[in-house]
Structure formats: structure tokens, C-alpha cells
């Protein structure tokens, strides 16, 4: 099973089956929410064939730890932190329990840089791999962008795999943006210092 994102945006994208088909498997959309206590953003994943809601991620303004975020998966609401304890990005292994009762772990691929594998914690078998437009792809597709290859034994938990990927990938991007923004002032200062160093000798020569 190949989930192909048509947009390079985990919060707003159509997800089709395979790189060369237009069969829609999921629709992912996000909107700002007002009037709901502590909820600022709501991401909804719908079944592309039935339009049924598969999962909802409700975000609260509580910083990067996401301790009060909620997810609703197949009509069951819980705290995001209870389902995905460390959702901050791909820097560490990410663990969740699927609807089949099995524990799954997202971890860096042992061979390919920029690729992540989902491993069944009990069997130690890899059941899915991610591919990214800016990373390495084990199986290059005709369409650029994010995708997830799910092996046959894990297609029954595809909804959970997609939800976990959306959360982790989005938070990874936010952490990345925050890191870049926080480093900009230092870069500017360094550039100014470097420019001053290059200009000083010329000024000195002109005053002799």
C-alpha cells in the first residue's frame, strides 16, 4: 500500500493510492478554531472514499511539548501524549499502539539517510517506510513529495500510521523553523562582524 501526498504539507493534502493513480485514500485539512476552550487548530483526516472522519488532531497553545493536545481516532478521544509520548520530531524513536494492540516504533532507517521505518516492536519487522521530496527514496515515484509505503501485514493500521506521521512530521517542521529563526540574529551579527573586518583595512589605507 503506497500513500502518496499530493502536497508537501502534512496538514493540508490529498493522499492518493500509489504514485500513478488518482484514487483518493485520504483528505487532510486544517483550520483555525474559535469558541472551543483551549483549542486553536484542528486537523481532520477523512476517508477519501466515504468522507467519514478517520482522525482529528486538536492543538492547544501550550508550547512544543503538546501535553494538552487531543486526538480522536475512530471516535475515541485521548490526549496526544498518551498515544504518542514524544511527538516532537524524528530525532528520537516515536512509539504508539495501533488499533490491533501492537506497539509500533518509528525509527531512522538503518541504511538510507532521510528515510524512516515503522517497526513492529514485538516482531522487530519493518512494516512501513517514509519517503520525502527532500530526502532519499527507496522506491522513487513519478510524483515528488512525501509518501509512505505500508507492507501488507500493516494495511489494517494504515489510519494510525498516517495520523502518527502527520503529527510527527508537522512538529518536526515547526521545531526546524523555530531553530532557524532563533539562529538568525547570531548569523546577522556574524555577517556584520565579517563585513567590518573586510572593510577596516581599506578605510585605514585611505586615511594615511
N, C-alpha and C. Protein backbone atom coordinates (compact mmCIF):
# COMPACT_ATOMS: atom_id res chain seq x y z
N UNK A 1 0.86 -1.18 0.00
CA UNK A 1 0.00 0.00 0.00
C UNK A 1 0.89 1.24 0.00
N UNK A 2 0.68 2.10 -0.98
CA UNK A 2 1.52 3.28 -1.12
C UNK A 2 0.68 4.54 -0.94
N UNK A 3 0.96 5.31 0.11
CA UNK A 3 0.24 6.55 0.37
C UNK A 3 1.07 7.70 -0.17
N UNK A 4 0.56 8.40 -1.17
CA UNK A 4 1.28 9.49 -1.82
C UNK A 4 0.59 10.82 -1.52
N UNK A 5 1.32 11.74 -0.87
CA UNK A 5 0.80 13.08 -0.61
C UNK A 5 0.91 13.90 -1.89
N UNK A 6 -0.17 14.59 -2.26
CA UNK A 6 -0.11 15.45 -3.44
C UNK A 6 0.46 16.82 -3.11
N UNK A 7 0.43 17.21 -1.85
CA UNK A 7 1.03 18.46 -1.41
C UNK A 7 2.13 18.17 -0.40
N UNK A 8 3.16 19.00 -0.40
CA UNK A 8 4.23 18.83 0.57
C UNK A 8 3.85 19.55 1.87
N UNK A 9 2.69 19.20 2.38
CA UNK A 9 2.16 19.83 3.60
C UNK A 9 1.39 18.77 4.37
N UNK A 10 1.90 18.31 5.50
CA UNK A 10 1.22 17.24 6.24
C UNK A 10 -0.14 17.63 6.78
N UNK A 11 -0.43 18.94 6.88
CA UNK A 11 -1.69 19.38 7.46
C UNK A 11 -2.79 19.64 6.43
N UNK A 12 -2.41 19.78 5.20
CA UNK A 12 -3.40 20.05 4.15
C UNK A 12 -2.97 19.35 2.86
N UNK A 13 -3.53 18.18 2.62
CA UNK A 13 -3.13 17.44 1.43
C UNK A 13 -4.15 16.35 1.10
N UNK A 14 -4.23 16.07 -0.17
CA UNK A 14 -4.92 14.87 -0.63
C UNK A 14 -3.90 13.74 -0.66
N UNK A 15 -4.30 12.57 -0.22
CA UNK A 15 -3.41 11.41 -0.23
C UNK A 15 -4.01 10.36 -1.16
N UNK A 16 -3.25 9.99 -2.19
CA UNK A 16 -3.76 9.03 -3.17
C UNK A 16 -3.05 7.69 -3.03
N UNK A 17 -3.63 6.70 -3.68
CA UNK A 17 -3.06 5.35 -3.64
C UNK A 17 -2.05 5.19 -4.76
N UNK A 18 -0.78 5.17 -4.41
CA UNK A 18 0.25 4.99 -5.42
C UNK A 18 0.62 6.28 -6.11
N UNK A 19 1.74 6.23 -6.81
CA UNK A 19 2.28 7.43 -7.45
C UNK A 19 1.63 7.73 -8.79
N UNK A 20 0.97 6.76 -9.39
CA UNK A 20 0.46 6.94 -10.74
C UNK A 20 -1.06 6.78 -10.83
N UNK A 21 -1.75 6.92 -9.73
CA UNK A 21 -3.21 6.81 -9.74
C UNK A 21 -3.82 8.05 -9.12
N UNK A 22 -5.11 8.22 -9.35
CA UNK A 22 -5.84 9.35 -8.76
C UNK A 22 -6.88 8.87 -7.76
N UNK A 23 -6.79 7.64 -7.32
CA UNK A 23 -7.73 7.12 -6.33
C UNK A 23 -7.40 7.73 -4.97
N UNK A 24 -8.32 8.54 -4.47
CA UNK A 24 -8.09 9.26 -3.22
C UNK A 24 -8.35 8.35 -2.03
N UNK A 25 -7.34 8.22 -1.18
CA UNK A 25 -7.49 7.41 0.03
C UNK A 25 -7.85 8.26 1.23
N UNK A 26 -7.25 9.45 1.31
CA UNK A 26 -7.49 10.34 2.46
C UNK A 26 -7.51 11.79 2.00
N UNK A 27 -8.25 12.60 2.76
CA UNK A 27 -8.20 14.05 2.62
C UNK A 27 -7.81 14.62 3.99
N UNK A 28 -6.76 15.41 4.02
CA UNK A 28 -6.28 16.01 5.27
C UNK A 28 -6.48 17.52 5.17
N UNK A 29 -7.15 18.10 6.15
CA UNK A 29 -7.39 19.54 6.15
C UNK A 29 -7.23 20.10 7.56
N UNK A 30 -6.83 21.35 7.63
CA UNK A 30 -6.61 22.00 8.93
C UNK A 30 -7.21 23.39 8.91
N UNK A 31 -7.85 23.78 10.00
CA UNK A 31 -8.41 25.12 10.11
C UNK A 31 -8.28 25.63 11.53
N UNK A 32 -8.28 26.96 11.64
CA UNK A 32 -8.24 27.59 12.95
C UNK A 32 -9.61 27.46 13.61
N UNK A 33 -9.60 27.32 14.92
CA UNK A 33 -10.84 27.13 15.67
C UNK A 33 -11.00 28.26 16.69
N UNK A 34 -12.21 28.78 16.79
CA UNK A 34 -12.52 29.77 17.82
C UNK A 34 -13.78 29.32 18.55
N UNK A 35 -13.88 29.68 19.81
CA UNK A 35 -15.07 29.33 20.58
C UNK A 35 -14.99 27.98 21.26
N UNK A 36 -13.90 27.25 21.07
CA UNK A 36 -13.71 25.97 21.75
C UNK A 36 -12.57 26.14 22.74
N UNK A 37 -12.83 25.85 23.99
CA UNK A 37 -11.84 26.10 25.04
C UNK A 37 -10.52 25.40 24.75
N UNK A 38 -9.44 26.19 24.78
CA UNK A 38 -8.07 25.70 24.65
C UNK A 38 -7.72 25.09 23.29
N UNK A 39 -8.63 25.14 22.34
CA UNK A 39 -8.33 24.58 21.02
C UNK A 39 -8.07 25.73 20.04
N UNK A 40 -6.94 25.66 19.34
CA UNK A 40 -6.58 26.71 18.39
C UNK A 40 -6.59 26.22 16.94
N UNK A 41 -6.19 24.98 16.73
CA UNK A 41 -6.14 24.42 15.39
C UNK A 41 -6.72 23.00 15.40
N UNK A 42 -7.41 22.66 14.32
CA UNK A 42 -7.97 21.31 14.23
C UNK A 42 -7.61 20.72 12.86
N UNK A 43 -6.93 19.59 12.90
CA UNK A 43 -6.59 18.85 11.68
C UNK A 43 -7.49 17.63 11.59
N UNK A 44 -8.15 17.48 10.46
CA UNK A 44 -9.09 16.38 10.26
C UNK A 44 -8.61 15.49 9.11
N UNK A 45 -8.58 14.20 9.36
CA UNK A 45 -8.25 13.22 8.32
C UNK A 45 -9.53 12.47 7.97
N UNK A 46 -9.94 12.53 6.71
CA UNK A 46 -11.16 11.87 6.25
C UNK A 46 -10.84 10.75 5.27
N UNK A 47 -11.68 9.74 5.29
CA UNK A 47 -11.58 8.66 4.32
C UNK A 47 -11.92 9.24 2.94
N UNK A 48 -11.04 9.04 1.98
CA UNK A 48 -11.24 9.62 0.66
C UNK A 48 -12.37 9.01 -0.13
N UNK A 49 -12.85 7.85 0.26
CA UNK A 49 -13.93 7.18 -0.45
C UNK A 49 -15.29 7.42 0.19
N UNK A 50 -15.34 7.43 1.51
CA UNK A 50 -16.62 7.55 2.21
C UNK A 50 -16.84 8.92 2.83
N UNK A 51 -15.78 9.72 2.94
CA UNK A 51 -15.79 11.03 3.59
C UNK A 51 -15.98 10.94 5.10
N UNK A 52 -15.91 9.73 5.65
CA UNK A 52 -16.00 9.56 7.10
C UNK A 52 -14.74 10.13 7.77
N UNK A 53 -14.92 10.68 8.97
CA UNK A 53 -13.77 11.19 9.72
C UNK A 53 -13.01 10.02 10.31
N UNK A 54 -11.74 9.93 9.98
CA UNK A 54 -10.88 8.86 10.48
C UNK A 54 -10.19 9.28 11.76
N UNK A 55 -9.69 10.53 11.78
CA UNK A 55 -8.96 11.02 12.95
C UNK A 55 -8.99 12.53 13.00
N UNK A 56 -8.87 13.06 14.22
CA UNK A 56 -8.82 14.51 14.43
C UNK A 56 -7.69 14.81 15.40
N UNK A 57 -6.93 15.85 15.09
CA UNK A 57 -5.87 16.33 15.99
C UNK A 57 -6.21 17.76 16.38
N UNK A 58 -6.50 17.98 17.65
CA UNK A 58 -6.83 19.30 18.16
C UNK A 58 -5.64 19.85 18.93
N UNK A 59 -5.18 21.03 18.51
CA UNK A 59 -3.97 21.60 19.08
C UNK A 59 -4.31 22.71 20.06
N UNK A 60 -3.56 22.74 21.14
CA UNK A 60 -3.74 23.75 22.17
C UNK A 60 -2.48 24.62 22.25
N UNK A 61 -2.61 25.86 22.74
CA UNK A 61 -1.47 26.77 22.78
C UNK A 61 -0.57 26.53 23.98
N UNK A 62 -0.01 25.35 24.09
CA UNK A 62 0.78 25.03 25.28
C UNK A 62 2.23 24.74 24.96
N UNK A 63 2.72 25.30 23.84
CA UNK A 63 4.14 25.14 23.54
C UNK A 63 4.46 23.85 22.83
N UNK A 64 5.75 23.59 22.69
CA UNK A 64 6.23 22.49 21.87
C UNK A 64 5.98 21.11 22.48
N UNK A 65 5.71 21.04 23.77
CA UNK A 65 5.54 19.73 24.40
C UNK A 65 4.21 19.06 24.04
N UNK A 66 3.22 19.88 23.63
CA UNK A 66 1.93 19.36 23.20
C UNK A 66 1.26 18.48 24.24
N UNK A 67 1.43 18.82 25.52
CA UNK A 67 0.92 17.97 26.60
C UNK A 67 -0.60 17.97 26.71
N UNK A 68 -1.26 18.98 26.15
CA UNK A 68 -2.71 19.04 26.24
C UNK A 68 -3.40 18.84 24.89
N UNK A 69 -2.65 18.59 23.86
CA UNK A 69 -3.26 18.29 22.56
C UNK A 69 -4.11 17.03 22.66
N UNK A 70 -5.16 17.00 21.87
CA UNK A 70 -6.05 15.83 21.88
C UNK A 70 -6.12 15.22 20.49
N UNK A 71 -6.28 13.92 20.45
CA UNK A 71 -6.57 13.24 19.19
C UNK A 71 -7.85 12.44 19.37
N UNK A 72 -8.61 12.37 18.31
CA UNK A 72 -9.78 11.50 18.27
C UNK A 72 -9.55 10.52 17.14
N UNK A 73 -9.46 9.26 17.48
CA UNK A 73 -9.16 8.23 16.48
C UNK A 73 -10.26 7.19 16.52
N UNK A 74 -10.99 7.08 15.40
CA UNK A 74 -12.13 6.17 15.32
C UNK A 74 -13.09 6.38 16.50
N UNK A 75 -13.45 7.66 16.70
CA UNK A 75 -14.43 8.08 17.70
C UNK A 75 -13.96 7.98 19.15
N UNK A 76 -12.70 7.67 19.39
CA UNK A 76 -12.18 7.60 20.76
C UNK A 76 -11.21 8.76 20.98
N UNK A 77 -11.54 9.64 21.94
CA UNK A 77 -10.69 10.79 22.22
C UNK A 77 -9.70 10.47 23.34
N UNK A 78 -8.48 10.97 23.18
CA UNK A 78 -7.46 10.81 24.22
C UNK A 78 -6.43 11.92 24.06
N UNK A 79 -5.61 12.09 25.08
CA UNK A 79 -4.52 13.05 24.97
C UNK A 79 -3.48 12.53 23.99
N UNK A 80 -2.96 13.43 23.18
CA UNK A 80 -1.92 13.03 22.23
C UNK A 80 -0.75 12.38 22.95
N UNK A 81 -0.36 12.95 24.10
CA UNK A 81 0.80 12.44 24.84
C UNK A 81 0.58 11.02 25.37
N UNK A 82 -0.68 10.62 25.53
CA UNK A 82 -0.95 9.25 25.99
C UNK A 82 -0.80 8.24 24.85
N UNK A 83 -0.96 8.72 23.62
CA UNK A 83 -0.85 7.82 22.46
C UNK A 83 0.53 7.89 21.81
N UNK A 84 1.05 9.12 21.73
CA UNK A 84 2.36 9.34 21.11
C UNK A 84 3.18 10.15 22.11
N UNK A 85 3.89 9.48 23.01
CA UNK A 85 4.53 10.15 24.14
C UNK A 85 5.56 11.22 23.79
N UNK A 86 6.25 11.09 22.67
CA UNK A 86 7.32 12.05 22.33
C UNK A 86 7.17 12.52 20.89
N UNK A 87 6.15 13.37 20.63
CA UNK A 87 5.83 13.71 19.24
C UNK A 87 6.63 14.86 18.63
N UNK A 88 7.78 15.21 19.20
CA UNK A 88 8.49 16.41 18.76
C UNK A 88 9.22 16.33 17.44
N UNK A 89 9.35 15.18 16.82
CA UNK A 89 10.07 15.08 15.56
C UNK A 89 10.71 13.72 15.40
N UNK A 90 11.64 13.63 14.45
CA UNK A 90 12.24 12.35 14.12
C UNK A 90 13.57 12.13 14.82
N UNK A 91 13.98 13.03 15.70
CA UNK A 91 15.29 12.91 16.35
C UNK A 91 15.37 11.70 17.27
N UNK A 92 14.24 11.25 17.76
CA UNK A 92 14.22 10.08 18.64
C UNK A 92 13.13 9.12 18.18
N UNK A 93 13.22 7.87 18.65
CA UNK A 93 12.21 6.88 18.27
C UNK A 93 10.84 7.32 18.76
N UNK A 94 9.81 7.12 17.94
CA UNK A 94 8.45 7.50 18.27
C UNK A 94 7.59 6.25 18.35
N UNK A 95 6.91 6.08 19.48
CA UNK A 95 6.16 4.85 19.74
C UNK A 95 4.67 5.12 19.88
N UNK A 96 3.86 4.25 19.30
CA UNK A 96 2.41 4.32 19.51
C UNK A 96 1.84 2.90 19.45
N UNK A 97 0.65 2.74 20.00
CA UNK A 97 -0.04 1.45 19.97
C UNK A 97 -1.16 1.53 18.93
N UNK A 98 -1.15 0.59 18.00
CA UNK A 98 -2.15 0.58 16.95
C UNK A 98 -3.47 -0.02 17.41
N UNK A 99 -4.51 0.09 16.60
CA UNK A 99 -5.82 -0.47 16.96
C UNK A 99 -5.80 -1.99 17.07
N UNK A 100 -4.74 -2.61 16.57
CA UNK A 100 -4.60 -4.07 16.68
C UNK A 100 -3.93 -4.48 17.98
N UNK A 101 -3.61 -3.49 18.84
CA UNK A 101 -2.97 -3.78 20.12
C UNK A 101 -1.46 -3.92 20.05
N UNK A 102 -0.90 -3.86 18.85
CA UNK A 102 0.54 -3.97 18.68
C UNK A 102 1.21 -2.62 18.90
N UNK A 103 2.43 -2.66 19.44
CA UNK A 103 3.21 -1.44 19.62
C UNK A 103 4.09 -1.24 18.40
N UNK A 104 4.09 -0.02 17.88
CA UNK A 104 4.89 0.31 16.69
C UNK A 104 5.87 1.43 17.03
N UNK A 105 7.03 1.38 16.39
CA UNK A 105 8.08 2.35 16.66
C UNK A 105 8.60 2.94 15.35
N UNK A 106 8.52 4.26 15.23
CA UNK A 106 9.15 4.95 14.11
C UNK A 106 10.62 5.16 14.46
N UNK A 107 11.51 4.78 13.57
CA UNK A 107 12.94 4.97 13.82
C UNK A 107 13.66 5.24 12.50
N UNK A 108 14.86 5.77 12.61
CA UNK A 108 15.64 6.07 11.41
C UNK A 108 15.98 4.78 10.67
N UNK A 109 15.88 4.84 9.34
CA UNK A 109 16.22 3.67 8.54
C UNK A 109 17.70 3.33 8.71
N UNK A 110 18.00 2.06 8.84
CA UNK A 110 19.37 1.63 9.12
C UNK A 110 20.32 1.83 7.94
N UNK A 111 19.76 1.96 6.74
CA UNK A 111 20.61 2.06 5.56
C UNK A 111 20.51 3.40 4.85
N UNK A 112 19.28 3.95 4.75
CA UNK A 112 19.06 5.14 3.94
C UNK A 112 18.88 6.38 4.81
N UNK A 113 19.70 7.39 4.58
CA UNK A 113 19.59 8.64 5.32
C UNK A 113 18.34 9.40 4.86
N UNK A 114 17.62 9.98 5.81
CA UNK A 114 16.42 10.73 5.48
C UNK A 114 15.19 9.88 5.30
N UNK A 115 15.32 8.57 5.51
CA UNK A 115 14.18 7.65 5.41
C UNK A 115 13.90 7.09 6.80
N UNK A 116 12.63 6.94 7.12
CA UNK A 116 12.25 6.42 8.44
C UNK A 116 11.40 5.17 8.28
N UNK A 117 11.62 4.22 9.17
CA UNK A 117 10.92 2.95 9.13
C UNK A 117 10.03 2.79 10.35
N UNK A 118 8.88 2.16 10.14
CA UNK A 118 7.99 1.82 11.24
C UNK A 118 8.19 0.34 11.53
N UNK A 119 8.54 0.04 12.78
CA UNK A 119 8.87 -1.33 13.17
C UNK A 119 7.86 -1.85 14.18
N UNK A 120 7.41 -3.07 13.98
CA UNK A 120 6.58 -3.73 14.97
C UNK A 120 7.47 -4.10 16.15
N UNK A 121 7.18 -3.55 17.33
CA UNK A 121 8.07 -3.74 18.49
C UNK A 121 8.16 -5.20 18.92
N UNK A 122 7.12 -5.97 18.65
CA UNK A 122 7.12 -7.38 19.07
C UNK A 122 7.91 -8.26 18.10
N UNK A 123 7.64 -8.10 16.81
CA UNK A 123 8.28 -8.97 15.82
C UNK A 123 9.61 -8.42 15.32
N UNK A 124 9.85 -7.13 15.55
CA UNK A 124 11.05 -6.43 15.08
C UNK A 124 11.09 -6.29 13.55
N UNK A 125 9.97 -6.53 12.90
CA UNK A 125 9.90 -6.41 11.45
C UNK A 125 9.49 -5.00 11.05
N UNK A 126 10.09 -4.49 10.00
CA UNK A 126 9.70 -3.20 9.46
C UNK A 126 8.40 -3.36 8.69
N UNK A 127 7.42 -2.50 8.98
CA UNK A 127 6.12 -2.63 8.32
C UNK A 127 5.79 -1.42 7.44
N UNK A 128 6.61 -0.37 7.49
CA UNK A 128 6.37 0.81 6.65
C UNK A 128 7.65 1.63 6.55
N UNK A 129 7.77 2.37 5.45
CA UNK A 129 8.89 3.29 5.24
C UNK A 129 8.35 4.61 4.72
N UNK A 130 8.98 5.70 5.13
CA UNK A 130 8.61 7.01 4.61
C UNK A 130 9.58 7.42 3.51
N UNK A 131 9.11 8.29 2.64
CA UNK A 131 9.95 8.90 1.62
C UNK A 131 9.61 10.38 1.61
N UNK A 132 10.57 11.20 1.28
CA UNK A 132 10.33 12.64 1.33
C UNK A 132 10.92 13.30 0.11
N UNK A 133 10.29 14.39 -0.31
CA UNK A 133 10.75 15.10 -1.50
C UNK A 133 12.16 15.63 -1.33
N UNK A 134 12.57 15.88 -0.08
CA UNK A 134 13.90 16.42 0.16
C UNK A 134 14.86 15.36 0.67
N UNK A 135 14.40 14.11 0.71
CA UNK A 135 15.25 13.06 1.24
C UNK A 135 15.49 11.96 0.23
N UNK A 136 15.95 10.85 0.71
CA UNK A 136 16.24 9.71 -0.15
C UNK A 136 14.99 8.85 -0.26
N UNK A 137 14.74 8.32 -1.43
CA UNK A 137 13.60 7.43 -1.62
C UNK A 137 14.08 6.05 -1.99
N UNK A 138 13.63 5.05 -1.26
CA UNK A 138 13.97 3.67 -1.60
C UNK A 138 13.32 3.29 -2.92
N UNK A 139 12.10 3.77 -3.13
CA UNK A 139 11.39 3.48 -4.37
C UNK A 139 10.93 4.80 -4.98
N UNK A 140 11.75 5.42 -5.83
CA UNK A 140 11.38 6.71 -6.42
C UNK A 140 10.04 6.62 -7.14
N UNK A 141 9.22 7.64 -6.98
CA UNK A 141 7.90 7.64 -7.60
C UNK A 141 7.86 8.66 -8.73
N UNK A 142 6.80 8.57 -9.54
CA UNK A 142 6.63 9.53 -10.62
C UNK A 142 6.22 10.88 -10.08
N UNK A 143 5.69 10.91 -8.88
CA UNK A 143 5.27 12.16 -8.26
C UNK A 143 6.22 12.52 -7.13
N UNK A 144 6.74 13.75 -7.12
CA UNK A 144 7.59 14.15 -6.00
C UNK A 144 6.76 14.39 -4.76
N UNK A 145 7.37 14.39 -3.61
CA UNK A 145 6.66 14.69 -2.38
C UNK A 145 6.73 13.57 -1.37
N UNK A 146 6.03 13.78 -0.27
CA UNK A 146 6.03 12.80 0.81
C UNK A 146 5.22 11.57 0.42
N UNK A 147 5.65 10.43 0.93
CA UNK A 147 4.88 9.21 0.72
C UNK A 147 5.23 8.20 1.81
N UNK A 148 4.35 7.23 1.98
CA UNK A 148 4.56 6.16 2.95
C UNK A 148 4.25 4.83 2.27
N UNK A 149 5.20 3.93 2.30
CA UNK A 149 4.98 2.57 1.81
C UNK A 149 4.62 1.68 2.99
N UNK A 150 3.44 1.07 2.95
CA UNK A 150 2.98 0.21 4.04
C UNK A 150 2.92 -1.23 3.53
N UNK A 151 3.55 -2.12 4.24
CA UNK A 151 3.57 -3.52 3.84
C UNK A 151 2.22 -4.19 4.12
N UNK A 152 1.90 -5.26 3.41
CA UNK A 152 0.58 -5.89 3.52
C UNK A 152 0.14 -6.21 4.94
N UNK A 153 1.06 -6.64 5.79
CA UNK A 153 0.68 -7.03 7.15
C UNK A 153 0.25 -5.85 8.02
N UNK A 154 0.48 -4.62 7.54
CA UNK A 154 0.15 -3.45 8.36
C UNK A 154 -0.92 -2.56 7.74
N UNK A 155 -1.52 -2.99 6.63
CA UNK A 155 -2.53 -2.15 6.00
C UNK A 155 -3.75 -1.94 6.89
N UNK A 156 -3.98 -2.85 7.81
CA UNK A 156 -5.11 -2.71 8.74
C UNK A 156 -4.95 -1.57 9.72
N UNK A 157 -3.72 -1.07 9.88
CA UNK A 157 -3.47 0.04 10.80
C UNK A 157 -3.00 1.27 10.02
N UNK A 158 -3.35 1.33 8.74
CA UNK A 158 -2.92 2.45 7.89
C UNK A 158 -3.37 3.79 8.44
N UNK A 159 -4.60 3.85 8.99
CA UNK A 159 -5.10 5.11 9.54
C UNK A 159 -4.19 5.61 10.66
N UNK A 160 -3.80 4.73 11.55
CA UNK A 160 -2.94 5.10 12.68
C UNK A 160 -1.55 5.48 12.19
N UNK A 161 -1.06 4.77 11.20
CA UNK A 161 0.26 5.10 10.65
C UNK A 161 0.25 6.50 10.06
N UNK A 162 -0.80 6.81 9.29
CA UNK A 162 -0.90 8.14 8.69
C UNK A 162 -1.01 9.22 9.75
N UNK A 163 -1.86 9.01 10.76
CA UNK A 163 -2.03 10.00 11.82
C UNK A 163 -0.71 10.27 12.54
N UNK A 164 0.00 9.22 12.89
CA UNK A 164 1.28 9.40 13.60
C UNK A 164 2.27 10.14 12.73
N UNK A 165 2.31 9.83 11.44
CA UNK A 165 3.23 10.51 10.54
C UNK A 165 2.90 12.00 10.43
N UNK A 166 1.62 12.32 10.28
CA UNK A 166 1.20 13.72 10.16
C UNK A 166 1.64 14.53 11.38
N UNK A 167 1.41 14.00 12.57
CA UNK A 167 1.77 14.71 13.80
C UNK A 167 3.28 14.88 13.91
N UNK A 168 4.02 13.81 13.75
CA UNK A 168 5.47 13.87 13.93
C UNK A 168 6.13 14.77 12.89
N UNK A 169 5.72 14.63 11.64
CA UNK A 169 6.33 15.42 10.57
C UNK A 169 6.02 16.90 10.73
N UNK A 170 4.78 17.25 11.10
CA UNK A 170 4.43 18.66 11.30
C UNK A 170 5.22 19.27 12.45
N UNK A 171 5.31 18.56 13.56
CA UNK A 171 6.05 19.10 14.71
C UNK A 171 7.54 19.18 14.40
N UNK A 172 8.04 18.26 13.60
CA UNK A 172 9.45 18.34 13.19
C UNK A 172 9.69 19.64 12.42
N UNK A 173 8.79 19.97 11.54
CA UNK A 173 8.94 21.19 10.74
C UNK A 173 8.88 22.43 11.61
N UNK A 174 7.99 22.42 12.60
CA UNK A 174 7.88 23.57 13.48
C UNK A 174 9.14 23.76 14.32
N UNK A 175 9.68 22.66 14.80
CA UNK A 175 10.94 22.73 15.56
C UNK A 175 12.05 23.26 14.67
N UNK A 176 12.08 22.82 13.42
CA UNK A 176 13.10 23.25 12.47
C UNK A 176 13.01 24.74 12.21
N UNK A 177 11.78 25.24 12.01
CA UNK A 177 11.58 26.67 11.76
C UNK A 177 11.98 27.49 12.97
N UNK A 178 11.60 27.04 14.16
CA UNK A 178 11.96 27.75 15.38
C UNK A 178 13.47 27.82 15.55
N UNK A 179 14.14 26.73 15.24
CA UNK A 179 15.60 26.69 15.37
C UNK A 179 16.24 27.67 14.41
N UNK A 180 15.74 27.73 13.17
CA UNK A 180 16.30 28.65 12.18
C UNK A 180 16.07 30.09 12.61
N UNK A 181 14.86 30.40 13.06
CA UNK A 181 14.55 31.77 13.47
C UNK A 181 15.41 32.22 14.64
N UNK A 182 15.62 31.32 15.58
CA UNK A 182 16.40 31.69 16.77
C UNK A 182 17.86 31.91 16.43
N UNK A 183 18.31 31.34 15.32
CA UNK A 183 19.72 31.48 14.96
C UNK A 183 19.97 32.65 14.02
N UNK A 184 18.91 33.27 13.49
CA UNK A 184 19.09 34.36 12.55
C UNK A 184 19.84 35.55 13.14
N UNK A 185 19.49 36.06 14.33
CA UNK A 185 20.23 37.20 14.88
C UNK A 185 21.73 36.95 14.98
N UNK A 186 22.11 35.77 15.42
CA UNK A 186 23.53 35.45 15.54
C UNK A 186 24.20 35.46 14.17
N UNK A 187 23.50 34.97 13.16
CA UNK A 187 24.07 34.95 11.82
C UNK A 187 24.28 36.37 11.31
N UNK A 188 23.30 37.24 11.58
CA UNK A 188 23.41 38.62 11.14
C UNK A 188 24.59 39.30 11.81
N UNK A 189 24.73 39.07 13.11
CA UNK A 189 25.86 39.65 13.84
C UNK A 189 27.18 39.17 13.26
N UNK A 190 27.26 37.88 12.98
CA UNK A 190 28.49 37.32 12.41
C UNK A 190 28.79 37.93 11.05
N UNK A 191 27.75 38.15 10.23
CA UNK A 191 27.95 38.76 8.92
C UNK A 191 28.44 40.19 9.05
N UNK A 192 27.87 40.92 10.02
CA UNK A 192 28.29 42.30 10.24
C UNK A 192 29.74 42.37 10.68
N UNK A 193 30.11 41.44 11.56
CA UNK A 193 31.49 41.40 12.03
C UNK A 193 32.44 41.08 10.89
N UNK A 194 32.03 40.12 10.05
CA UNK A 194 32.88 39.73 8.93
C UNK A 194 33.03 40.88 7.94
N UNK A 195 31.93 41.62 7.69
CA UNK A 195 31.98 42.77 6.78
C UNK A 195 32.88 43.85 7.34
N UNK A 196 32.75 44.11 8.64
CA UNK A 196 33.58 45.14 9.28
C UNK A 196 35.06 44.79 9.19
N UNK A 197 35.35 43.52 9.33
CA UNK A 197 36.75 43.07 9.26
C UNK A 197 37.32 43.29 7.87
N UNK A 198 36.49 43.06 6.84
CA UNK A 198 36.97 43.23 5.47
C UNK A 198 37.12 44.70 5.11
N UNK A 199 36.25 45.58 5.65
CA UNK A 199 36.24 46.99 5.29
C UNK A 199 37.34 47.76 6.00
N UNK A 200 37.67 47.39 7.23
CA UNK A 200 38.61 48.15 8.06
C UNK A 200 39.93 48.46 7.38
N UNK A 201 40.61 47.49 6.74
CA UNK A 201 41.90 47.79 6.12
C UNK A 201 41.79 48.86 5.05
N UNK A 202 40.71 48.84 4.25
CA UNK A 202 40.54 49.82 3.18
C UNK A 202 40.39 51.21 3.74
N UNK A 203 39.61 51.34 4.81
CA UNK A 203 39.43 52.64 5.43
C UNK A 203 40.74 53.17 5.99
N UNK A 204 41.50 52.27 6.59
CA UNK A 204 42.77 52.68 7.17
C UNK A 204 43.71 53.17 6.09
N UNK A 205 43.69 52.49 4.93
CA UNK A 205 44.58 52.87 3.84
C UNK A 205 44.22 54.24 3.30
N UNK A 206 42.94 54.57 3.30
CA UNK A 206 42.51 55.86 2.78
C UNK A 206 42.86 57.02 3.67
N UNK A 207 43.14 56.77 4.91
CA UNK A 207 43.41 57.85 5.86
C UNK A 207 44.89 58.11 6.03
N UNK A 208 45.73 57.32 5.37
CA UNK A 208 47.18 57.51 5.52
C UNK A 208 47.63 58.70 4.71
